[in-house]
Amino acid sequence: MEKIIQWKPVVVAIGATLKAVSGALPSGDLKVVVSVLEAACEGAEAAEKLWLMGELPKEERNDYAQLLVADVLKKSGITVNEQIQAIIDGGIEMMCLLMPHGLEPKAV
């Protein structure tokens, strides 16, 4: 029997926890981190969906997710520096680890 990992609730729980903590702290730094992580998670999920629909080559998923994240952050007024880029990379990697493996796209 194949084990099915419920990855989406994990991501939602992590986001809710970070939002709760960021709301309780006086510094706005954590709020920026939460925004960056949310954008990274959404970008990774969108890229994965396109790949599974056969609309994005496998090797272009990360680049596509990075573009989506950069666009969201630019619109939010968040400047991507070295630290923010590290958070983006970590958020995308976290999503990749949590999403189901062994799936194949329809066709590329």
PDB file of N, CA and C in Angstrom:
ATOM      1  N   MET A   1       0.846  -1.174   0.000  1.00  0.00           N
ATOM      2  CA  MET A   1       0.000   0.000   0.000  1.00  0.00           C
ATOM      3  C   MET A   1       0.897   1.245   0.000  1.00  0.00           C
ATOM      4  N   GLU A   2       0.587   2.187  -0.863  1.00  0.00           N
ATOM      5  CA  GLU A   2       1.355   3.423  -0.968  1.00  0.00           C
ATOM      6  C   GLU A   2       0.914   4.399   0.110  1.00  0.00           C
ATOM      7  N   LYS A   3       1.895   4.999   0.768  1.00  0.00           N
ATOM      8  CA  LYS A   3       1.604   5.987   1.798  1.00  0.00           C
ATOM      9  C   LYS A   3       1.368   7.341   1.131  1.00  0.00           C
ATOM     10  N   ILE A   4       0.256   7.962   1.429  1.00  0.00           N
ATOM     11  CA  ILE A   4      -0.055   9.271   0.875  1.00  0.00           C
ATOM     12  C   ILE A   4       0.208  10.319   1.947  1.00  0.00           C
ATOM     13  N   ILE A   5       1.102  11.244   1.634  1.00  0.00           N
ATOM     14  CA  ILE A   5       1.444  12.298   2.576  1.00  0.00           C
ATOM     15  C   ILE A   5       0.545  13.502   2.302  1.00  0.00           C
ATOM     16  N   GLN A   6      -0.110  13.961   3.341  1.00  0.00           N
ATOM     17  CA  GLN A   6      -0.966  15.136   3.221  1.00  0.00           C
ATOM     18  C   GLN A   6      -0.098  16.377   3.390  1.00  0.00           C
ATOM     19  N   TRP A   7       0.519  16.835   2.308  1.00  0.00           N
ATOM     20  CA  TRP A   7       1.493  17.916   2.378  1.00  0.00           C
ATOM     21  C   TRP A   7       0.862  19.294   2.505  1.00  0.00           C
ATOM     22  N   LYS A   8      -0.281  19.496   1.901  1.00  0.00           N
ATOM     23  CA  LYS A   8      -0.896  20.826   1.911  1.00  0.00           C
ATOM     24  C   LYS A   8      -1.251  21.275   3.337  1.00  0.00           C
ATOM     25  N   PRO A   9      -1.846  20.434   4.180  1.00  0.00           N
ATOM     26  CA  PRO A   9      -2.122  20.872   5.550  1.00  0.00           C
ATOM     27  C   PRO A   9      -0.850  21.229   6.332  1.00  0.00           C
ATOM     28  N   VAL A  10       0.244  20.562   6.031  1.00  0.00           N
ATOM     29  CA  VAL A  10       1.509  20.878   6.694  1.00  0.00           C
ATOM     30  C   VAL A  10       1.945  22.294   6.344  1.00  0.00           C
ATOM     31  N   VAL A  11       1.873  22.638   5.069  1.00  0.00           N
ATOM     32  CA  VAL A  11       2.255  23.977   4.625  1.00  0.00           C
ATOM     33  C   VAL A  11       1.343  25.029   5.239  1.00  0.00           C
ATOM     34  N   VAL A  12       0.048  24.768   5.274  1.00  0.00           N
ATOM     35  CA  VAL A  12      -0.906  25.710   5.862  1.00  0.00           C
ATOM     36  C   VAL A  12      -0.612  25.888   7.352  1.00  0.00           C
ATOM     37  N   ALA A  13      -0.308  24.811   8.047  1.00  0.00           N
ATOM     38  CA  ALA A  13      -0.012  24.883   9.481  1.00  0.00           C
ATOM     39  C   ALA A  13       1.264  25.679   9.746  1.00  0.00           C
ATOM     40  N   ILE A  14       2.284  25.468   8.933  1.00  0.00           N
ATOM     41  CA  ILE A  14       3.532  26.226   9.085  1.00  0.00           C
ATOM     42  C   ILE A  14       3.262  27.712   8.874  1.00  0.00           C
ATOM     43  N   GLY A  15       2.517  28.034   7.830  1.00  0.00           N
ATOM     44  CA  GLY A  15       2.192  29.433   7.552  1.00  0.00           C
ATOM     45  C   GLY A  15       1.384  30.073   8.672  1.00  0.00           C
ATOM     46  N   ALA A  16       0.401  29.363   9.188  1.00  0.00           N
ATOM     47  CA  ALA A  16      -0.429  29.902  10.271  1.00  0.00           C
ATOM     48  C   ALA A  16       0.393  30.129  11.534  1.00  0.00           C
ATOM     49  N   THR A  17       1.300  29.215  11.820  1.00  0.00           N
ATOM     50  CA  THR A  17       2.166  29.367  12.991  1.00  0.00           C
ATOM     51  C   THR A  17       3.062  30.589  12.852  1.00  0.00           C
ATOM     52  N   LEU A  18       3.683  30.736  11.685  1.00  0.00           N
ATOM     53  CA  LEU A  18       4.553  31.886  11.458  1.00  0.00           C
ATOM     54  C   LEU A  18       3.778  33.199  11.528  1.00  0.00           C
ATOM     55  N   LYS A  19       2.573  33.221  10.974  1.00  0.00           N
ATOM     56  CA  LYS A  19       1.759  34.443  11.034  1.00  0.00           C
ATOM     57  C   LYS A  19       1.409  34.796  12.474  1.00  0.00           C
ATOM     58  N   ALA A  20       1.067  33.783  13.258  1.00  0.00           N
ATOM     59  CA  ALA A  20       0.709  34.031  14.658  1.00  0.00           C
ATOM     60  C   ALA A  20       1.901  34.592  15.427  1.00  0.00           C
ATOM     61  N   VAL A  21       3.063  34.010  15.217  1.00  0.00           N
ATOM     62  CA  VAL A  21       4.266  34.485  15.901  1.00  0.00           C
ATOM     63  C   VAL A  21       4.631  35.884  15.427  1.00  0.00           C
ATOM     64  N   SER A  22       4.548  36.125  14.118  1.00  0.00           N
ATOM     65  CA  SER A  22       4.929  37.436  13.591  1.00  0.00           C
ATOM     66  C   SER A  22       3.994  38.535  14.093  1.00  0.00           C
ATOM     67  N   GLY A  23       2.750  38.200  14.335  1.00  0.00           N
ATOM     68  CA  GLY A  23       1.809  39.183  14.856  1.00  0.00           C
ATOM     69  C   GLY A  23       2.068  39.525  16.310  1.00  0.00           C
ATOM     70  N   ALA A  24       2.727  38.646  17.024  1.00  0.00           N
ATOM     71  CA  ALA A  24       2.990  38.858  18.444  1.00  0.00           C
ATOM     72  C   ALA A  24       4.319  39.560  18.698  1.00  0.00           C
ATOM     73  N   LEU A  25       5.183  39.617  17.707  1.00  0.00           N
ATOM     74  CA  LEU A  25       6.498  40.226  17.888  1.00  0.00           C
ATOM     75  C   LEU A  25       6.485  41.672  17.423  1.00  0.00           C
ATOM     76  N   PRO A  26       7.278  42.523  18.085  1.00  0.00           N
ATOM     77  CA  PRO A  26       7.280  43.933  17.714  1.00  0.00           C
ATOM     78  C   PRO A  26       7.956  44.228  16.377  1.00  0.00           C
ATOM     79  N   SER A  27       8.900  43.439  15.984  1.00  0.00           N
ATOM     80  CA  SER A  27       9.637  43.688  14.741  1.00  0.00           C
ATOM     81  C   SER A  27       8.828  43.228  13.540  1.00  0.00           C
ATOM     82  N   GLY A  28       8.962  43.966  12.430  1.00  0.00           N
ATOM     83  CA  GLY A  28       8.285  43.578  11.200  1.00  0.00           C
ATOM     84  C   GLY A  28       9.089  42.584  10.383  1.00  0.00           C
ATOM     85  N   ASP A  29      10.283  42.231  10.862  1.00  0.00           N
ATOM     86  CA  ASP A  29      11.144  41.320  10.099  1.00  0.00           C
ATOM     87  C   ASP A  29      10.488  39.971   9.857  1.00  0.00           C
ATOM     88  N   LEU A  30       9.852  39.427  10.874  1.00  0.00           N
ATOM     89  CA  LEU A  30       9.227  38.114  10.713  1.00  0.00           C
ATOM     90  C   LEU A  30       8.057  38.184   9.742  1.00  0.00           C
ATOM     91  N   LYS A  31       7.376  39.309   9.704  1.00  0.00           N
ATOM     92  CA  LYS A  31       6.275  39.468   8.752  1.00  0.00           C
ATOM     93  C   LYS A  31       6.801  39.409   7.315  1.00  0.00           C
ATOM     94  N   VAL A  32       7.971  39.980   7.095  1.00  0.00           N
ATOM     95  CA  VAL A  32       8.597  39.909   5.773  1.00  0.00           C
ATOM     96  C   VAL A  32       8.950  38.460   5.456  1.00  0.00           C
ATOM     97  N   VAL A  33       9.503  37.757   6.433  1.00  0.00           N
ATOM     98  CA  VAL A  33       9.869  36.350   6.232  1.00  0.00           C
ATOM     99  C   VAL A  33       8.632  35.533   5.880  1.00  0.00           C
ATOM    100  N   VAL A  34       7.539  35.769   6.584  1.00  0.00           N
ATOM    101  CA  VAL A  34       6.289  35.048   6.308  1.00  0.00           C
ATOM    102  C   VAL A  34       5.827  35.335   4.881  1.00  0.00           C
ATOM    103  N   SER A  35       5.873  36.583   4.473  1.00  0.00           N
ATOM    104  CA  SER A  35       5.460  36.943   3.111  1.00  0.00           C
ATOM    105  C   SER A  35       6.336  36.250   2.068  1.00  0.00           C
ATOM    106  N   VAL A  36       7.628  36.223   2.325  1.00  0.00           N
ATOM    107  CA  VAL A  36       8.561  35.586   1.386  1.00  0.00           C
ATOM    108  C   VAL A  36       8.305  34.086   1.323  1.00  0.00           C
ATOM    109  N   LEU A  37       8.128  33.448   2.467  1.00  0.00           N
ATOM    110  CA  LEU A  37       7.863  32.005   2.481  1.00  0.00           C
ATOM    111  C   LEU A  37       6.541  31.664   1.800  1.00  0.00           C
ATOM    112  N   GLU A  38       5.520  32.471   2.024  1.00  0.00           N
ATOM    113  CA  GLU A  38       4.235  32.234   1.357  1.00  0.00           C
ATOM    114  C   GLU A  38       4.394  32.321  -0.155  1.00  0.00           C
ATOM    115  N   ALA A  39       5.107  33.341  -0.610  1.00  0.00           N
ATOM    116  CA  ALA A  39       5.325  33.497  -2.050  1.00  0.00           C
ATOM    117  C   ALA A  39       6.120  32.319  -2.607  1.00  0.00           C
ATOM    118  N   ALA A  40       7.123  31.868  -1.865  1.00  0.00           N
ATOM    119  CA  ALA A  40       7.943  30.738  -2.317  1.00  0.00           C
ATOM    120  C   ALA A  40       7.109  29.459  -2.409  1.00  0.00           C
ATOM    121  N   CYS A  41       6.265  29.242  -1.425  1.00  0.00           N
ATOM    122  CA  CYS A  41       5.413  28.046  -1.436  1.00  0.00           C
ATOM    123  C   CYS A  41       4.423  28.092  -2.598  1.00  0.00           C
ATOM    124  N   GLU A  42       3.813  29.244  -2.804  1.00  0.00           N
ATOM    125  CA  GLU A  42       2.861  29.376  -3.906  1.00  0.00           C
ATOM    126  C   GLU A  42       3.551  29.231  -5.259  1.00  0.00           C
ATOM    127  N   GLY A  43       4.749  29.800  -5.384  1.00  0.00           N
ATOM    128  CA  GLY A  43       5.500  29.685  -6.635  1.00  0.00           C
ATOM    129  C   GLY A  43       5.876  28.249  -6.945  1.00  0.00           C
ATOM    130  N   ALA A  44       6.344  27.534  -5.926  1.00  0.00           N
ATOM    131  CA  ALA A  44       6.730  26.130  -6.126  1.00  0.00           C
ATOM    132  C   ALA A  44       5.513  25.285  -6.492  1.00  0.00           C
ATOM    133  N   GLU A  45       4.407  25.528  -5.823  1.00  0.00           N
ATOM    134  CA  GLU A  45       3.184  24.766  -6.109  1.00  0.00           C
ATOM    135  C   GLU A  45       2.683  25.048  -7.529  1.00  0.00           C
ATOM    136  N   ALA A  46       2.727  26.306  -7.942  1.00  0.00           N
ATOM    137  CA  ALA A  46       2.273  26.667  -9.293  1.00  0.00           C
ATOM    138  C   ALA A  46       3.159  26.019 -10.355  1.00  0.00           C
ATOM    139  N   ALA A  47       4.462  26.042 -10.135  1.00  0.00           N
ATOM    140  CA  ALA A  47       5.391  25.427 -11.089  1.00  0.00           C
ATOM    141  C   ALA A  47       5.153  23.923 -11.180  1.00  0.00           C
ATOM    142  N   GLU A  48       4.929  23.291 -10.049  1.00  0.00           N
ATOM    143  CA  GLU A  48       4.679  21.846 -10.034  1.00  0.00           C
ATOM    144  C   GLU A  48       3.389  21.508 -10.783  1.00  0.00           C
ATOM    145  N   LYS A  49       2.354  22.315 -10.591  1.00  0.00           N
ATOM    146  CA  LYS A  49       1.086  22.077 -11.281  1.00  0.00           C
ATOM    147  C   LYS A  49       1.267  22.181 -12.795  1.00  0.00           C
ATOM    148  N   LEU A  50       1.998  23.194 -13.228  1.00  0.00           N
ATOM    149  CA  LEU A  50       2.243  23.337 -14.670  1.00  0.00           C
ATOM    150  C   LEU A  50       3.022  22.155 -15.215  1.00  0.00           C
ATOM    151  N   TRP A  51       4.002  21.684 -14.476  1.00  0.00           N
ATOM    152  CA  TRP A  51       4.778  20.511 -14.907  1.00  0.00           C
ATOM    153  C   TRP A  51       3.869  19.288 -15.013  1.00  0.00           C
ATOM    154  N   LEU A  52       3.012  19.088 -14.008  1.00  0.00           N
ATOM    155  CA  LEU A  52       2.121  17.924 -14.028  1.00  0.00           C
ATOM    156  C   LEU A  52       1.096  17.996 -15.155  1.00  0.00           C
ATOM    157  N   MET A  53       0.759  19.214 -15.580  1.00  0.00           N
ATOM    158  CA  MET A  53      -0.168  19.374 -16.699  1.00  0.00           C
ATOM    159  C   MET A  53       0.560  19.269 -18.040  1.00  0.00           C
ATOM    160  N   GLY A  54       1.877  19.085 -17.991  1.00  0.00           N
ATOM    161  CA  GLY A  54       2.649  18.957 -19.220  1.00  0.00           C
ATOM    162  C   GLY A  54       2.952  20.281 -19.888  1.00  0.00           C
ATOM    163  N   GLU A  55       2.825  21.373 -19.134  1.00  0.00           N
ATOM    164  CA  GLU A  55       3.026  22.700 -19.712  1.00  0.00           C
ATOM    165  C   GLU A  55       4.367  23.331 -19.351  1.00  0.00           C
ATOM    166  N   LEU A  56       5.177  22.637 -18.560  1.00  0.00           N
ATOM    167  CA  LEU A  56       6.460  23.174 -18.126  1.00  0.00           C
ATOM    168  C   LEU A  56       7.460  22.024 -18.026  1.00  0.00           C
ATOM    169  N   PRO A  57       8.607  22.138 -18.692  1.00  0.00           N
ATOM    170  CA  PRO A  57       9.617  21.096 -18.569  1.00  0.00           C
ATOM    171  C   PRO A  57      10.109  20.969 -17.117  1.00  0.00           C
ATOM    172  N   LYS A  58      10.439  19.756 -16.722  1.00  0.00           N
ATOM    173  CA  LYS A  58      10.868  19.469 -15.355  1.00  0.00           C
ATOM    174  C   LYS A  58      12.012  20.368 -14.912  1.00  0.00           C
ATOM    175  N   GLU A  59      13.002  20.542 -15.778  1.00  0.00           N
ATOM    176  CA  GLU A  59      14.194  21.301 -15.405  1.00  0.00           C
ATOM    177  C   GLU A  59      13.938  22.809 -15.305  1.00  0.00           C
ATOM    178  N   GLU A  60      12.756  23.267 -15.689  1.00  0.00           N
ATOM    179  CA  GLU A  60      12.437  24.693 -15.619  1.00  0.00           C
ATOM    180  C   GLU A  60      11.542  25.056 -14.432  1.00  0.00           C
ATOM    181  N   ARG A  61      11.185  24.063 -13.629  1.00  0.00           N
ATOM    182  CA  ARG A  61      10.271  24.329 -12.503  1.00  0.00           C
ATOM    183  C   ARG A  61      10.832  25.346 -11.514  1.00  0.00           C
ATOM    184  N   ASN A  62      12.088  25.171 -11.109  1.00  0.00           N
ATOM    185  CA  ASN A  62      12.662  26.086 -10.126  1.00  0.00           C
ATOM    186  C   ASN A  62      12.758  27.506 -10.684  1.00  0.00           C
ATOM    187  N   ASP A  63      13.232  27.641 -11.918  1.00  0.00           N
ATOM    188  CA  ASP A  63      13.345  28.969 -12.522  1.00  0.00           C
ATOM    189  C   ASP A  63      11.983  29.654 -12.608  1.00  0.00           C
ATOM    190  N   TYR A  64      10.965  28.886 -12.983  1.00  0.00           N
ATOM    191  CA  TYR A  64       9.620  29.444 -13.083  1.00  0.00           C
ATOM    192  C   TYR A  64       9.117  29.882 -11.701  1.00  0.00           C
ATOM    193  N   ALA A  65       9.326  29.035 -10.701  1.00  0.00           N
ATOM    194  CA  ALA A  65       8.911  29.385  -9.337  1.00  0.00           C
ATOM    195  C   ALA A  65       9.630  30.649  -8.876  1.00  0.00           C
ATOM    196  N   GLN A  66      10.915  30.753  -9.174  1.00  0.00           N
ATOM    197  CA  GLN A  66      11.693  31.934  -8.782  1.00  0.00           C
ATOM    198  C   GLN A  66      11.115  33.196  -9.425  1.00  0.00           C
ATOM    199  N   LEU A  67      10.724  33.102 -10.697  1.00  0.00           N
ATOM    200  CA  LEU A  67      10.131  34.259 -11.382  1.00  0.00           C
ATOM    201  C   LEU A  67       8.812  34.675 -10.741  1.00  0.00           C
ATOM    202  N   LEU A  68       7.992  33.700 -10.407  1.00  0.00           N
ATOM    203  CA  LEU A  68       6.715  34.008  -9.762  1.00  0.00           C
ATOM    204  C   LEU A  68       6.932  34.686  -8.411  1.00  0.00           C
ATOM    205  N   VAL A  69       7.873  34.163  -7.645  1.00  0.00           N
ATOM    206  CA  VAL A  69       8.166  34.727  -6.326  1.00  0.00           C
ATOM    207  C   VAL A  69       8.680  36.162  -6.468  1.00  0.00           C
ATOM    208  N   ALA A  70       9.607  36.367  -7.392  1.00  0.00           N
ATOM    209  CA  ALA A  70      10.171  37.707  -7.605  1.00  0.00           C
ATOM    210  C   ALA A  70       9.073  38.708  -7.947  1.00  0.00           C
ATOM    211  N   ASP A  71       8.117  38.297  -8.761  1.00  0.00           N
ATOM    212  CA  ASP A  71       7.019  39.174  -9.153  1.00  0.00           C
ATOM    213  C   ASP A  71       6.150  39.536  -7.950  1.00  0.00           C
ATOM    214  N   VAL A  72       5.802  38.537  -7.143  1.00  0.00           N
ATOM    215  CA  VAL A  72       4.969  38.784  -5.958  1.00  0.00           C
ATOM    216  C   VAL A  72       5.686  39.725  -4.988  1.00  0.00           C
ATOM    217  N   LEU A  73       6.968  39.465  -4.762  1.00  0.00           N
ATOM    218  CA  LEU A  73       7.715  40.281  -3.807  1.00  0.00           C
ATOM    219  C   LEU A  73       7.890  41.712  -4.309  1.00  0.00           C
ATOM    220  N   LYS A  74       8.113  41.864  -5.593  1.00  0.00           N
ATOM    221  CA  LYS A  74       8.244  43.202  -6.165  1.00  0.00           C
ATOM    222  C   LYS A  74       6.953  43.991  -5.947  1.00  0.00           C
ATOM    223  N   LYS A  75       5.816  43.340  -6.212  1.00  0.00           N
ATOM    224  CA  LYS A  75       4.519  43.989  -6.017  1.00  0.00           C
ATOM    225  C   LYS A  75       4.263  44.315  -4.549  1.00  0.00           C
ATOM    226  N   SER A  76       4.884  43.551  -3.643  1.00  0.00           N
ATOM    227  CA  SER A  76       4.720  43.774  -2.206  1.00  0.00           C
ATOM    228  C   SER A  76       5.713  44.784  -1.657  1.00  0.00           C
ATOM    229  N   GLY A  77       6.640  45.216  -2.508  1.00  0.00           N
ATOM    230  CA  GLY A  77       7.641  46.177  -2.066  1.00  0.00           C
ATOM    231  C   GLY A  77       8.790  45.563  -1.296  1.00  0.00           C
ATOM    232  N   ILE A  78       8.977  44.266  -1.431  1.00  0.00           N
ATOM    233  CA  ILE A  78      10.065  43.569  -0.743  1.00  0.00           C
ATOM    234  C   ILE A  78      11.237  43.426  -1.703  1.00  0.00           C
ATOM    235  N   THR A  79      12.375  43.977  -1.301  1.00  0.00           N
ATOM    236  CA  THR A  79      13.581  43.906  -2.111  1.00  0.00           C
ATOM    237  C   THR A  79      14.275  42.573  -1.874  1.00  0.00           C
ATOM    238  N   VAL A  80      14.628  41.909  -2.952  1.00  0.00           N
ATOM    239  CA  VAL A  80      15.312  40.617  -2.835  1.00  0.00           C
ATOM    240  C   VAL A  80      16.811  40.876  -2.691  1.00  0.00           C
ATOM    241  N   ASN A  81      17.306  40.584  -1.503  1.00  0.00           N
ATOM    242  CA  ASN A  81      18.735  40.649  -1.243  1.00  0.00           C
ATOM    243  C   ASN A  81      19.228  39.231  -0.971  1.00  0.00           C
ATOM    244  N   GLU A  82      20.448  39.100  -0.511  1.00  0.00           N
ATOM    245  CA  GLU A  82      21.019  37.767  -0.285  1.00  0.00           C
ATOM    246  C   GLU A  82      20.226  36.971   0.750  1.00  0.00           C
ATOM    247  N   GLN A  83      19.817  37.627   1.828  1.00  0.00           N
ATOM    248  CA  GLN A  83      19.059  36.940   2.876  1.00  0.00           C
ATOM    249  C   GLN A  83      17.679  36.524   2.389  1.00  0.00           C
ATOM    250  N   ILE A  84      17.011  37.419   1.690  1.00  0.00           N
ATOM    251  CA  ILE A  84      15.677  37.098   1.162  1.00  0.00           C
ATOM    252  C   ILE A  84      15.779  35.964   0.154  1.00  0.00           C
ATOM    253  N   GLN A  85      16.811  35.982  -0.697  1.00  0.00           N
ATOM    254  CA  GLN A  85      16.992  34.910  -1.679  1.00  0.00           C
ATOM    255  C   GLN A  85      17.187  33.564  -0.988  1.00  0.00           C
ATOM    256  N   ALA A  86      17.902  33.562   0.130  1.00  0.00           N
ATOM    257  CA  ALA A  86      18.102  32.312   0.885  1.00  0.00           C
ATOM    258  C   ALA A  86      16.767  31.795   1.418  1.00  0.00           C
ATOM    259  N   ILE A  87      15.893  32.702   1.850  1.00  0.00           N
ATOM    260  CA  ILE A  87      14.571  32.299   2.340  1.00  0.00           C
ATOM    261  C   ILE A  87      13.730  31.758   1.185  1.00  0.00           C
ATOM    262  N   ILE A  88      13.811  32.415   0.040  1.00  0.00           N
ATOM    263  CA  ILE A  88      13.080  31.943  -1.150  1.00  0.00           C
ATOM    264  C   ILE A  88      13.538  30.532  -1.502  1.00  0.00           C
ATOM    265  N   ASP A  89      14.844  30.347  -1.596  1.00  0.00           N
ATOM    266  CA  ASP A  89      15.389  29.037  -1.956  1.00  0.00           C
ATOM    267  C   ASP A  89      14.967  27.963  -0.953  1.00  0.00           C
ATOM    268  N   GLY A  90      15.009  28.317   0.334  1.00  0.00           N
ATOM    269  CA  GLY A  90      14.604  27.364   1.371  1.00  0.00           C
ATOM    270  C   GLY A  90      13.124  27.041   1.307  1.00  0.00           C
ATOM    271  N   GLY A  91      12.299  28.043   1.032  1.00  0.00           N
ATOM    272  CA  GLY A  91      10.850  27.812   0.923  1.00  0.00           C
ATOM    273  C   GLY A  91      10.506  26.919  -0.253  1.00  0.00           C
ATOM    274  N   ILE A  92      11.144  27.163  -1.386  1.00  0.00           N
ATOM    275  CA  ILE A  92      10.908  26.319  -2.563  1.00  0.00           C
ATOM    276  C   ILE A  92      11.378  24.895  -2.285  1.00  0.00           C
ATOM    277  N   GLU A  93      12.531  24.764  -1.668  1.00  0.00           N
ATOM    278  CA  GLU A  93      13.048  23.420  -1.355  1.00  0.00           C
ATOM    279  C   GLU A  93      12.138  22.691  -0.376  1.00  0.00           C
ATOM    280  N   MET A  94      11.628  23.412   0.632  1.00  0.00           N
ATOM    281  CA  MET A  94      10.710  22.804   1.588  1.00  0.00           C
ATOM    282  C   MET A  94       9.473  22.269   0.872  1.00  0.00           C
ATOM    283  N   MET A  95       8.924  23.069  -0.041  1.00  0.00           N
ATOM    284  CA  MET A  95       7.752  22.627  -0.787  1.00  0.00           C
ATOM    285  C   MET A  95       8.064  21.398  -1.627  1.00  0.00           C
ATOM    286  N   CYS A  96       9.217  21.397  -2.252  1.00  0.00           N
ATOM    287  CA  CYS A  96       9.598  20.249  -3.080  1.00  0.00           C
ATOM    288  C   CYS A  96       9.720  18.978  -2.245  1.00  0.00           C
ATOM    289  N   LEU A  97      10.206  19.118  -1.029  1.00  0.00           N
ATOM    290  CA  LEU A  97      10.320  17.951  -0.146  1.00  0.00           C
ATOM    291  C   LEU A  97       8.955  17.463   0.330  1.00  0.00           C
ATOM    292  N   LEU A  98       8.018  18.387   0.524  1.00  0.00           N
ATOM    293  CA  LEU A  98       6.704  18.021   1.045  1.00  0.00           C
ATOM    294  C   LEU A  98       5.746  17.492  -0.020  1.00  0.00           C
ATOM    295  N   MET A  99       5.910  17.956  -1.260  1.00  0.00           N
ATOM    296  CA  MET A  99       4.980  17.536  -2.310  1.00  0.00           C
ATOM    297  C   MET A  99       5.181  16.056  -2.654  1.00  0.00           C
ATOM    298  N   PRO A 100       4.126  15.417  -3.157  1.00  0.00           N
ATOM    299  CA  PRO A 100       4.223  13.995  -3.501  1.00  0.00           C
ATOM    300  C   PRO A 100       5.303  13.743  -4.557  1.00  0.00           C
ATOM    301  N   HIS A 101       5.961  12.614  -4.417  1.00  0.00           N
ATOM    302  CA  HIS A 101       6.994  12.215  -5.366  1.00  0.00           C
ATOM    303  C   HIS A 101       6.494  11.025  -6.189  1.00  0.00           C
ATOM    304  N   GLY A 102       7.133  10.810  -7.314  1.00  0.00           N
ATOM    305  CA  GLY A 102       6.778   9.675  -8.165  1.00  0.00           C
ATOM    306  C   GLY A 102       5.664   9.976  -9.153  1.00  0.00           C
ATOM    307  N   LEU A 103       5.206  11.208  -9.185  1.00  0.00           N
ATOM    308  CA  LEU A 103       4.175  11.580 -10.156  1.00  0.00           C
ATOM    309  C   LEU A 103       4.831  11.887 -11.479  1.00  0.00           C
ATOM    310  N   GLU A 104       4.100  11.704 -12.542  1.00  0.00           N
ATOM    311  CA  GLU A 104       4.610  11.985 -13.885  1.00  0.00           C
ATOM    312  C   GLU A 104       3.650  12.944 -14.595  1.00  0.00           C
ATOM    313  N   PRO A 105       4.203  13.854 -15.377  1.00  0.00           N
ATOM    314  CA  PRO A 105       3.350  14.792 -16.121  1.00  0.00           C
ATOM    315  C   PRO A 105       2.600  14.096 -17.238  1.00  0.00           C
ATOM    316  N   LYS A 106       1.551  14.757 -17.714  1.00  0.00           N
ATOM    317  CA  LYS A 106       0.789  14.214 -18.838  1.00  0.00           C
ATOM    318  C   LYS A 106       1.668  14.118 -20.066  1.00  0.00           C
ATOM    319  N   ALA A 107       2.265  15.229 -20.472  1.00  0.00           N
ATOM    320  CA  ALA A 107       3.187  15.255 -21.596  1.00  0.00           C
ATOM    321  C   ALA A 107       3.808  16.645 -21.681  1.00  0.00           C
ATOM    322  N   VAL A 108       5.071  16.695 -22.034  1.00  0.00           N
ATOM    323  CA  VAL A 108       5.751  17.994 -22.160  1.00  0.00           C
ATOM    324  C   VAL A 108       6.039  18.243 -23.609  1.00  0.00           C
TER     325      VAL A 108
END
